[in-house]
């Protein structure tokens, strides 16, 4: 153990532009590639890693000390780690939390996730902010193996060869393959998760990469949820006779998701209440005639201020997206409801002719903040009226 501390396994992060960062391996050995993005959250590394929206992305956490409270089995947001890799500055030697069952590095190895620590994440973030998100590769060597120029050249080549996120349809990759009934409600200290036993509404939730806590917050508000695969046609949803339809978060480019865009357009036109989050927000926009675009480096973090244009209220929000809806393309029956105070990008929309609305961020915000949770209540209100 002392040898591991004094001489940890070597690792590198290579970007497609040829920039190379040296560090130490803290996860599984091997190589991984993906789009490198930075996340400004101070906590929540476990929820970030298991968020399907990070599929094919290597996540850099800007907060310097990651892993101090370990990993708790209850805090996962999906069935496994979906992030392609993890980049951090410092992994604390000890983890302390009464709920933790294991350390972060042990969890990464268990999940087969390649990760690197000990590099200058502030410098890396500046590169990504200046040049934009770009593909990268993490190469983590076994203990005792020495890093060579051959390793570096191979990692740079792998980063350059990785496919662009633009044009990638990943929703159907991360989605469930069968319908599932969801009844679990939100976590409470001392009792854990609950069960929705007396639902007032039936919601069909499209799984484009849904986070568990989004489903829990719907269940907490009186919903029985039928989670359906991303490619479920509208006709199958109508057969389930729901009171409302939820369009989940998810990874990748929304434009190739033609199956979801078509189904959403049919569901909205029927007059059934529809609520979309993240990728679901973008799909609702596309289904309504708007356009989307790829952002320079996206929004990833839990400290993003967003203004509600109806109330003037500003909320601090959790964000995770690399694409956005172009406000210049909104048709007459689609209005803006929220904007980012970081860069002015569109954060929320609502149909003026149908009971359908959406939000770009993650209002469930596990582990936080919860300033925009009122949108779930708005969805419940639409179903009550319907």
Protein backbone atom coordinates (compact mmCIF):
# COMPACT_ATOMS: atom_id res chain seq x y z
CA UNK A 1 0.00 0.00 0.00
CA UNK A 2 2.84 2.38 0.87
CA UNK A 3 4.44 1.61 -2.48
CA UNK A 4 1.20 2.57 -4.24
CA UNK A 5 1.18 5.92 -2.43
CA UNK A 6 4.82 6.68 -3.21
CA UNK A 7 4.76 5.35 -6.77
CA UNK A 8 1.15 5.35 -8.06
CA UNK A 9 0.39 3.90 -11.51
CA UNK A 10 1.02 6.45 -14.26
CA UNK A 11 -1.69 7.88 -16.53
CA UNK A 12 -2.10 10.58 -19.17
CA UNK A 13 -4.93 12.59 -20.65
CA UNK A 14 -4.36 13.43 -24.31
CA UNK A 15 -6.55 15.91 -26.17
CA UNK A 16 -7.26 15.85 -29.89
CA UNK A 17 -5.29 19.10 -30.34
CA UNK A 18 -2.16 17.32 -29.06
CA UNK A 19 -2.19 18.74 -25.52
CA UNK A 20 -1.06 16.11 -23.00
CA UNK A 21 -1.52 16.06 -19.20
CA UNK A 22 0.35 13.62 -16.97
CA UNK A 23 -1.07 12.21 -13.76
CA UNK A 24 -1.81 9.05 -11.82
CA UNK A 25 -4.32 6.29 -12.48
CA UNK A 26 -7.08 6.10 -9.85
CA UNK A 27 -9.49 3.74 -11.57
CA UNK A 28 -9.31 0.82 -13.96
CA UNK A 29 -6.25 0.33 -16.14
CA UNK A 30 -6.59 0.69 -19.90
CA UNK A 31 -7.72 3.39 -22.31
CA UNK A 32 -10.95 5.31 -22.81
CA UNK A 33 -11.97 8.00 -25.29
CA UNK A 34 -14.73 10.59 -25.34
CA UNK A 35 -15.60 14.25 -25.50
CA UNK A 36 -13.83 16.05 -22.65
CA UNK A 37 -16.09 18.44 -20.73
CA UNK A 38 -15.69 20.27 -17.43
CA UNK A 39 -18.19 20.27 -14.56
CA UNK A 40 -18.14 23.00 -11.89
CA UNK A 41 -20.09 21.13 -9.18
CA UNK A 42 -18.54 21.02 -5.71
CA UNK A 43 -20.25 17.74 -4.79
CA UNK A 44 -22.17 15.00 -6.52
CA UNK A 45 -19.39 13.13 -8.31
CA UNK A 46 -21.22 9.84 -7.89
CA UNK A 47 -24.44 11.21 -9.38
CA UNK A 48 -22.45 12.75 -12.23
CA UNK A 49 -20.66 9.51 -13.05
CA UNK A 50 -23.92 7.53 -13.16
CA UNK A 51 -25.88 10.14 -15.16
CA UNK A 52 -26.55 8.58 -18.60
CA UNK A 53 -26.33 12.09 -20.09
CA UNK A 54 -22.53 11.74 -19.77
CA UNK A 55 -22.36 8.73 -22.09
CA UNK A 56 -19.29 9.05 -24.37
CA UNK A 57 -17.95 11.98 -22.32
CA UNK A 58 -14.86 12.27 -20.12
CA UNK A 59 -15.78 14.49 -17.16
CA UNK A 60 -13.32 16.93 -15.63
CA UNK A 61 -14.33 18.16 -12.19
CA UNK A 62 -13.05 21.68 -11.48
CA UNK A 63 -13.37 21.41 -7.69
CA UNK A 64 -9.89 20.28 -6.57
CA UNK A 65 -10.71 17.64 -3.91
CA UNK A 66 -12.89 14.81 -5.19
CA UNK A 67 -13.70 11.62 -3.27
CA UNK A 68 -13.61 12.97 0.28
CA UNK A 69 -17.01 11.50 1.22
CA UNK A 70 -16.65 8.20 -0.60
CA UNK A 71 -19.45 6.40 -2.43
CA UNK A 72 -22.90 5.49 -1.09
CA UNK A 73 -24.87 2.74 -2.81
CA UNK A 74 -28.13 4.72 -2.55
CA UNK A 75 -26.79 7.71 -4.49
CA UNK A 76 -26.47 6.21 -7.97
CA UNK A 77 -28.65 7.77 -10.68
CA UNK A 78 -28.75 4.72 -12.97
CA UNK A 79 -27.65 1.10 -13.21
CA UNK A 80 -23.95 1.84 -13.75
CA UNK A 81 -21.28 4.46 -14.49
CA UNK A 82 -22.05 5.96 -17.91
CA UNK A 83 -19.29 8.59 -18.06
CA UNK A 84 -16.47 7.48 -20.34
CA UNK A 85 -13.85 8.60 -17.82
CA UNK A 86 -13.09 10.92 -14.91
CA UNK A 87 -10.42 13.63 -14.51
CA UNK A 88 -9.68 15.20 -11.10
CA UNK A 89 -6.91 17.12 -9.40
CA UNK A 90 -6.70 15.52 -5.96
CA UNK A 91 -8.02 12.23 -4.57
CA UNK A 92 -7.98 12.46 -0.74
CA UNK A 93 -6.23 9.59 1.03
CA UNK A 94 -9.19 9.09 3.37
CA UNK A 95 -12.95 9.17 2.73
CA UNK A 96 -15.28 10.03 5.62
CA UNK A 97 -19.08 9.76 5.51
CA UNK A 98 -21.39 7.64 7.66
CA UNK A 99 -23.34 6.60 4.54
CA UNK A 100 -20.33 5.61 2.42
CA UNK A 101 -19.75 1.97 1.60
CA UNK A 102 -16.50 2.32 -0.36
CA UNK A 103 -13.97 4.80 -1.64
CA UNK A 104 -14.21 6.55 -5.00
CA UNK A 105 -11.15 4.82 -6.44
CA UNK A 106 -12.44 1.40 -5.36
CA UNK A 107 -15.80 2.22 -7.01
CA UNK A 108 -14.09 3.29 -10.23
CA UNK A 109 -12.12 0.04 -10.39
CA UNK A 110 -15.25 -1.98 -9.62
CA UNK A 111 -17.11 -0.24 -12.46
CA UNK A 112 -14.20 -0.60 -14.90
CA UNK A 113 -13.95 3.19 -15.24
CA UNK A 114 -10.65 4.67 -16.38
CA UNK A 115 -9.77 7.81 -14.39
CA UNK A 116 -6.82 10.11 -13.78
CA UNK A 117 -5.79 12.37 -10.88
CA UNK A 118 -2.91 14.68 -10.10
CA UNK A 119 -3.14 17.00 -13.09
CA UNK A 120 -3.86 20.72 -13.36
CA UNK A 121 -7.63 20.75 -13.91
CA UNK A 122 -7.69 24.58 -13.94
CA UNK A 123 -5.34 24.60 -16.92
CA UNK A 124 -7.40 21.90 -18.63
CA UNK A 125 -10.59 23.89 -18.06
CA UNK A 126 -9.02 26.99 -19.59
CA UNK A 127 -8.10 24.95 -22.67
CA UNK A 128 -11.69 23.69 -23.01
CA UNK A 129 -13.20 27.14 -22.45
CA UNK A 130 -10.86 28.72 -25.01
CA UNK A 131 -10.89 26.05 -27.70
CA UNK A 132 -14.20 24.40 -26.89
CA UNK A 133 -15.01 20.86 -25.80
CA UNK A 134 -12.90 18.39 -27.73
CA UNK A 135 -12.27 14.68 -27.82
CA UNK A 136 -9.66 13.17 -25.58
CA UNK A 137 -8.23 9.88 -24.37
CA UNK A 138 -7.18 8.73 -20.91
CA UNK A 139 -4.50 6.06 -20.85
CA UNK A 140 -3.98 4.44 -17.44
CA UNK A 141 -0.99 2.13 -17.12
CA UNK A 142 -0.68 -0.88 -14.79
CA UNK A 143 1.40 -0.44 -11.66
CA UNK A 144 5.10 -0.61 -12.42
CA UNK A 145 4.82 0.19 -16.13
CA UNK A 146 6.69 3.30 -17.30
CA UNK A 147 5.08 5.88 -19.57
CA UNK A 148 6.84 6.28 -22.93
CA UNK A 149 6.49 8.46 -26.01
CA UNK A 150 4.85 5.50 -27.74
CA UNK A 151 2.07 5.59 -25.15
CA UNK A 152 1.64 9.34 -25.60
CA UNK A 153 1.50 9.14 -29.39
CA UNK A 154 -1.06 6.33 -29.23
CA UNK A 155 -3.29 8.30 -26.83
CA UNK A 156 -3.20 11.43 -29.00
CA UNK A 157 -4.05 9.34 -32.06
CA UNK A 158 -6.98 7.72 -30.21
CA UNK A 159 -8.30 11.15 -29.21
CA UNK A 160 -8.12 12.40 -32.79
CA UNK A 161 -9.89 9.28 -34.10
CA UNK A 162 -12.84 9.47 -31.67
CA UNK A 163 -16.17 10.41 -33.31
CA UNK A 164 -17.64 13.87 -32.85
CA UNK A 165 -20.59 14.21 -30.49
CA UNK A 166 -22.42 16.13 -33.23
CA UNK A 167 -24.60 13.70 -35.13
CA UNK A 168 -24.47 10.95 -32.46
CA UNK A 169 -27.80 9.42 -31.47
CA UNK A 170 -27.05 8.07 -27.99
CA UNK A 171 -30.53 8.11 -26.48
CA UNK A 172 -31.37 4.68 -27.88
CA UNK A 173 -27.96 3.41 -26.69
CA UNK A 174 -28.51 4.20 -22.99
CA UNK A 175 -32.28 3.62 -22.89
CA UNK A 176 -34.13 0.76 -21.26
CA UNK A 177 -35.20 -1.92 -23.70
CA UNK A 178 -38.50 -2.83 -22.02
CA UNK A 179 -41.30 -1.05 -20.20
CA UNK A 180 -40.83 -0.69 -16.45
CA UNK A 181 -43.16 0.46 -13.67
CA UNK A 182 -41.54 2.97 -11.29
CA UNK A 183 -42.95 3.65 -7.80
CA UNK A 184 -39.89 4.68 -5.73
CA UNK A 185 -40.16 8.12 -4.09
CA UNK A 186 -37.53 10.54 -2.77
CA UNK A 187 -34.88 9.71 -0.17
CA UNK A 188 -35.28 10.86 3.43
CA UNK A 189 -32.74 10.70 6.23
CA UNK A 190 -33.54 7.82 8.55
CA UNK A 191 -35.97 6.05 6.26
CA UNK A 192 -34.30 6.01 2.84
CA UNK A 193 -36.47 5.76 -0.28
CA UNK A 194 -40.23 5.38 -0.08
CA UNK A 195 -42.89 3.83 -2.33
CA UNK A 196 -45.81 5.51 -4.07
CA UNK A 197 -48.75 3.31 -3.09
CA UNK A 198 -51.70 5.60 -3.89
CA UNK A 199 -50.95 7.48 -7.14
CA UNK A 200 -53.34 10.10 -8.51
CA UNK A 201 -51.83 10.24 -12.00
CA UNK A 202 -50.33 7.87 -14.53
CA UNK A 203 -47.29 9.27 -16.33
CA UNK A 204 -45.48 7.64 -19.24
CA UNK A 205 -41.81 8.59 -19.04
CA UNK A 206 -39.62 8.26 -22.12
CA UNK A 207 -36.20 6.95 -21.14
CA UNK A 208 -33.65 8.82 -23.24
CA UNK A 209 -31.18 8.38 -20.35
CA UNK A 210 -33.39 9.19 -17.38
CA UNK A 211 -31.86 9.91 -13.98
CA UNK A 212 -33.53 7.99 -11.18
CA UNK A 213 -34.19 11.05 -9.05
CA UNK A 214 -36.31 12.63 -11.78
CA UNK A 215 -38.60 9.60 -11.64
CA UNK A 216 -38.59 9.72 -7.83
CA UNK A 217 -39.72 13.36 -7.81
CA UNK A 218 -42.63 12.52 -10.09
CA UNK A 219 -43.57 9.57 -7.88
CA UNK A 220 -43.29 11.78 -4.78
CA UNK A 221 -45.93 14.06 -6.31
CA UNK A 222 -48.50 11.32 -6.78
CA UNK A 223 -47.54 9.67 -10.05
CA UNK A 224 -47.43 6.05 -11.06
CA UNK A 225 -44.80 5.97 -13.78
CA UNK A 226 -44.47 3.66 -16.72
CA UNK A 227 -40.96 4.09 -18.11
CA UNK A 228 -40.75 3.23 -21.81
CA UNK A 229 -37.80 2.78 -24.20
CA UNK A 230 -36.61 5.75 -26.27
CA UNK A 231 -37.94 4.33 -29.53
CA UNK A 232 -41.50 3.72 -28.30
CA UNK A 233 -44.02 5.01 -30.88
CA UNK A 234 -46.79 7.40 -29.85
CA UNK A 235 -49.43 4.76 -30.60
CA UNK A 236 -48.01 2.50 -27.86
CA UNK A 237 -48.12 5.41 -25.40
CA UNK A 238 -51.75 6.14 -26.25
CA UNK A 239 -52.54 2.48 -25.52
CA UNK A 240 -51.25 3.00 -21.96
CA UNK A 241 -53.79 5.84 -21.44
CA UNK A 242 -51.52 8.14 -19.41
CA UNK A 243 -52.51 11.43 -17.80
CA UNK A 244 -49.23 12.96 -18.95
CA UNK A 245 -46.00 12.23 -20.80
CA UNK A 246 -42.51 13.00 -19.55
CA UNK A 247 -39.49 13.36 -21.88
CA UNK A 248 -36.29 12.62 -19.96
CA UNK A 249 -32.74 13.86 -20.04
CA UNK A 250 -30.17 12.00 -22.13
CA UNK A 251 -26.89 12.16 -24.05
CA UNK A 252 -25.88 13.03 -27.58
CA UNK A 253 -27.23 15.16 -30.39
CA UNK A 254 -31.04 15.58 -30.38
CA UNK A 255 -31.41 16.00 -34.15
CA UNK A 256 -30.74 12.34 -35.10
CA UNK A 257 -33.47 11.19 -32.67
CA UNK A 258 -36.11 11.26 -35.40
CA UNK A 259 -38.15 8.51 -33.72
CA UNK A 260 -38.48 10.62 -30.55
CA UNK A 261 -39.21 13.83 -32.45
CA UNK A 262 -41.99 12.15 -34.45
CA UNK A 263 -43.57 10.53 -31.36
CA UNK A 264 -43.39 13.77 -29.38
CA UNK A 265 -45.07 15.77 -32.15
CA UNK A 266 -47.96 13.30 -32.21
CA UNK A 267 -48.32 13.27 -28.42
CA UNK A 268 -48.28 17.06 -28.15
CA UNK A 269 -50.85 17.46 -30.92
CA UNK A 270 -53.19 15.09 -29.08
CA UNK A 271 -53.44 17.59 -26.23
CA UNK A 272 -51.97 15.35 -23.53
CA UNK A 273 -49.76 17.28 -21.04
CA UNK A 274 -46.06 16.93 -21.90
CA UNK A 275 -43.02 17.90 -19.79
CA UNK A 276 -39.44 17.65 -21.09
CA UNK A 277 -36.04 17.98 -19.40
CA UNK A 278 -32.60 18.41 -21.00
CA UNK A 279 -32.61 16.22 -24.14
CA UNK A 280 -36.39 16.02 -23.73
CA UNK A 281 -36.49 19.83 -23.86
CA UNK A 282 -34.56 19.83 -27.12
CA UNK A 283 -36.76 17.09 -28.59
CA UNK A 284 -39.92 19.05 -27.72
CA UNK A 285 -38.42 22.09 -29.46
CA UNK A 286 -37.55 20.08 -32.58
CA UNK A 287 -40.99 18.45 -32.59
CA UNK A 288 -42.52 21.95 -32.49
CA UNK A 289 -40.49 23.26 -35.44
CA UNK A 290 -37.49 24.91 -33.74
CA UNK A 291 -33.79 24.13 -34.33
CA UNK A 292 -30.89 23.13 -32.07
CA UNK A 293 -27.13 23.75 -32.23
CA UNK A 294 -23.96 22.44 -30.60
CA UNK A 295 -22.50 24.74 -27.95
CA UNK A 296 -18.82 25.63 -27.66
CA UNK A 297 -18.30 23.85 -24.33
CA UNK A 298 -21.82 23.39 -23.00
CA UNK A 299 -23.19 23.79 -19.50
CA UNK A 300 -22.09 21.29 -16.84
CA UNK A 301 -22.38 22.11 -13.15
CA UNK A 302 -24.66 22.90 -10.24
CA UNK A 303 -24.23 26.68 -9.97
CA UNK A 304 -25.86 28.04 -13.13
CA UNK A 305 -28.21 31.03 -12.67
CA UNK A 306 -31.38 30.86 -14.75
CA UNK A 307 -34.11 33.51 -14.96
CA UNK A 308 -37.79 32.61 -15.13
CA UNK A 309 -39.13 35.13 -17.67
CA UNK A 310 -42.70 34.85 -16.34
CA UNK A 311 -41.98 35.60 -12.68
CA UNK A 312 -38.60 37.33 -12.89
CA UNK A 313 -37.31 34.85 -10.33
CA UNK A 314 -33.68 33.70 -10.62
CA UNK A 315 -32.83 30.14 -9.64
CA UNK A 316 -29.48 28.39 -9.25
CA UNK A 317 -29.65 25.25 -11.34
CA UNK A 318 -27.94 22.00 -12.20
CA UNK A 319 -26.94 21.73 -15.87
CA UNK A 320 -25.57 19.04 -18.15
CA UNK A 321 -25.87 19.64 -21.89
CA UNK A 322 -23.72 20.32 -24.93
CA UNK A 323 -26.56 21.28 -27.29
CA UNK A 324 -29.13 24.07 -27.02
CA UNK A 325 -32.30 25.32 -28.70
CA UNK A 326 -31.82 28.27 -31.03
CA UNK A 327 -34.19 31.04 -29.80
CA UNK A 328 -34.17 32.66 -33.24
CA UNK A 329 -35.98 29.62 -34.68
CA UNK A 330 -38.94 29.43 -32.28
CA UNK A 331 -42.23 29.22 -34.21
CA UNK A 332 -45.20 31.41 -33.28
CA UNK A 333 -46.72 28.76 -31.02
CA UNK A 334 -43.57 28.32 -28.92
CA UNK A 335 -42.43 30.91 -26.38
CA UNK A 336 -39.30 31.28 -24.25
CA UNK A 337 -39.85 30.82 -20.49
CA UNK A 338 -36.31 30.68 -19.05
CA UNK A 339 -32.87 32.02 -20.03
CA UNK A 340 -29.36 31.42 -18.72
CA UNK A 341 -27.79 34.39 -16.98
CA UNK A 342 -24.34 33.00 -17.80
CA UNK A 343 -24.59 33.34 -21.57
CA UNK A 344 -28.20 34.18 -22.46
CA UNK A 345 -28.94 30.80 -24.00
CA UNK A 346 -32.50 29.50 -23.99
CA UNK A 347 -33.36 27.40 -20.93
CA UNK A 348 -37.08 26.87 -21.12
CA UNK A 349 -39.96 26.84 -23.61
CA UNK A 350 -43.72 26.39 -23.57
CA UNK A 351 -46.28 25.75 -26.27
CA UNK A 352 -48.94 28.46 -26.47
CA UNK A 353 -51.50 26.17 -28.10
CA UNK A 354 -50.96 22.91 -26.17
CA UNK A 355 -50.21 21.91 -22.54
CA UNK A 356 -46.53 21.21 -23.20
CA UNK A 357 -43.37 22.79 -21.74
CA UNK A 358 -39.75 21.95 -21.07
CA UNK A 359 -36.59 23.00 -19.27
CA UNK A 360 -32.96 22.66 -20.36
CA UNK A 361 -31.38 22.05 -16.95
CA UNK A 362 -31.96 19.26 -14.44
CA UNK A 363 -34.62 20.53 -12.00
CA UNK A 364 -34.44 17.33 -9.96
CA UNK A 365 -30.81 18.30 -9.24
CA UNK A 366 -29.59 15.28 -7.33
CA UNK A 367 -27.67 16.22 -5.20
CA UNK A 368 -28.78 19.86 -5.63
CA UNK A 369 -29.75 22.68 -5.93
CA UNK A 370 -33.53 22.46 -5.91
CA UNK A 371 -34.55 25.97 -6.98
CA UNK A 372 -36.36 24.81 -10.13
CA UNK A 373 -38.24 21.85 -8.60
CA UNK A 374 -41.46 23.86 -9.00
CA UNK A 375 -41.55 22.74 -12.62
CA UNK A 376 -42.64 19.28 -11.45
CA UNK A 377 -45.55 20.93 -9.65
CA UNK A 378 -46.40 22.79 -12.86
CA UNK A 379 -46.59 19.46 -14.69
CA UNK A 380 -48.87 18.07 -11.97
CA UNK A 381 -51.05 21.17 -12.39
CA UNK A 382 -51.39 20.58 -16.13
CA UNK A 383 -52.49 16.99 -15.54
CA UNK A 384 -54.99 18.13 -12.90
CA UNK A 385 -56.57 20.57 -15.35
CA UNK A 386 -56.66 17.98 -18.11
